[in-house]
Amino acid sequence: MPKIKDPNPLNLFELRRLTVPPPHFEYITVEMRYNLEESFNNWIKDNLKARYYLGKTVAVQDNSQIGSCLKIGFENPKELSYFVLACPHLKYK
């Protein structure tokens, strides 16, 4: 059951999740594990309102090797802050 009660017009027209990362979004990268992409997508749909980008990318990891990770971006910087603080999927390693 969605936690947001008002219908979002971006959801109705399937314009909320973007397929290309815009340069004006605020981003975070998360190490790729299990089925995190689907879990993050469901959490964002249920708890946030603005447009977002969620996709796989390649990044340099802590041990100087190239690895796969998820790039998550939000149009509203406040939603990025809320996502980092409240998303339960980020708390477990």
Protein backbone atom coordinates (compact mmCIF):
# COMPACT_ATOMS: atom_id res chain seq x y z
CA MET A 1 0.00 0.00 0.00
CA PRO A 2 1.50 3.36 -1.00
CA LYS A 3 2.29 5.74 1.84
CA ILE A 4 1.51 8.82 -0.28
CA LYS A 5 -2.23 9.36 -0.48
CA ASP A 6 -2.50 11.87 -3.36
CA PRO A 7 -2.07 10.51 -6.89
CA ASN A 8 1.07 11.73 -8.61
CA PRO A 9 0.56 12.80 -12.26
CA LEU A 10 4.14 11.76 -13.07
CA ASN A 11 3.28 8.18 -12.03
CA LEU A 12 0.12 8.13 -14.13
CA PHE A 13 2.01 9.05 -17.30
CA GLU A 14 5.09 6.98 -16.35
CA LEU A 15 7.35 10.06 -16.45
CA ARG A 16 8.71 9.82 -12.93
CA ARG A 17 11.60 7.36 -13.39
CA LEU A 18 14.00 8.65 -16.01
CA THR A 19 16.08 6.40 -18.26
CA VAL A 20 18.92 8.90 -18.83
CA PRO A 21 20.69 10.68 -15.94
CA PRO A 22 20.18 14.45 -16.26
CA PRO A 23 23.14 16.64 -15.26
CA HIS A 24 21.12 18.82 -12.86
CA PHE A 25 20.10 15.93 -10.55
CA GLU A 26 21.84 15.19 -7.24
CA TYR A 27 23.38 11.68 -7.24
CA ILE A 28 24.58 8.95 -4.92
CA THR A 29 26.24 5.67 -5.90
CA VAL A 30 25.60 2.43 -4.04
CA GLU A 31 27.48 -0.84 -4.35
CA MET A 32 25.50 -3.39 -6.37
CA ARG A 33 24.20 -6.29 -4.26
CA TYR A 34 21.38 -8.80 -4.73
CA ASN A 35 18.17 -7.25 -6.07
CA LEU A 36 18.73 -3.76 -4.68
CA GLU A 37 17.62 -2.00 -7.85
CA GLU A 38 14.05 -3.30 -7.53
CA SER A 39 14.01 -2.68 -3.76
CA PHE A 40 15.21 0.91 -4.15
CA ASN A 41 12.73 1.53 -6.96
CA ASN A 42 9.79 0.30 -4.86
CA TRP A 43 10.89 2.32 -1.81
CA ILE A 44 11.27 5.51 -3.86
CA LYS A 45 7.86 5.05 -5.51
CA ASP A 46 6.18 4.55 -2.13
CA ASN A 47 7.92 7.28 -0.12
CA LEU A 48 9.00 10.12 -2.43
CA LYS A 49 7.23 12.40 -4.92
CA ALA A 50 9.60 13.99 -7.48
CA ARG A 51 11.36 12.61 -10.56
CA TYR A 52 14.35 10.32 -10.08
CA TYR A 53 16.94 8.30 -11.95
CA LEU A 54 17.95 4.76 -11.00
CA GLY A 55 20.37 2.80 -13.13
CA LYS A 56 23.48 0.66 -13.22
CA THR A 57 26.86 2.27 -13.83
CA VAL A 58 30.55 1.53 -13.53
CA ALA A 59 32.68 3.20 -10.85
CA VAL A 60 36.08 2.92 -9.18
CA GLN A 61 35.72 1.20 -5.82
CA ASP A 62 37.73 1.69 -2.62
CA ASN A 63 40.32 -0.94 -3.58
CA SER A 64 41.10 0.88 -6.89
CA GLN A 65 39.23 -1.66 -9.00
CA ILE A 66 36.40 -1.01 -11.41
CA GLY A 67 33.05 -2.46 -10.36
CA SER A 68 29.34 -2.28 -11.01
CA CYS A 69 27.21 -0.01 -8.85
CA LEU A 70 23.82 1.69 -8.79
CA LYS A 71 23.54 5.39 -9.54
CA ILE A 72 20.55 7.00 -7.87
CA GLY A 73 19.66 10.60 -8.62
CA PHE A 74 16.89 12.95 -7.51
CA GLU A 75 15.59 16.17 -9.02
CA ASN A 76 14.91 17.59 -5.58
CA PRO A 77 18.02 17.59 -3.32
CA LYS A 78 15.78 17.31 -0.24
CA GLU A 79 14.60 13.92 -1.47
CA LEU A 80 18.20 12.71 -1.75
CA SER A 81 18.76 13.69 1.89
CA TYR A 82 15.58 11.92 2.98
CA PHE A 83 16.51 8.84 0.93
CA VAL A 84 19.96 8.59 2.55
CA LEU A 85 18.54 9.02 6.05
CA ALA A 86 15.37 6.92 5.83
CA CYS A 87 15.83 4.13 3.29
CA PRO A 88 16.25 0.85 5.19
CA HIS A 89 18.09 -0.81 2.29
CA LEU A 90 21.12 1.45 2.75
CA LYS A 91 21.64 0.47 6.38
CA TYR A 92 22.72 -3.14 5.76
CA LYS A 93 26.02 -4.26 4.28
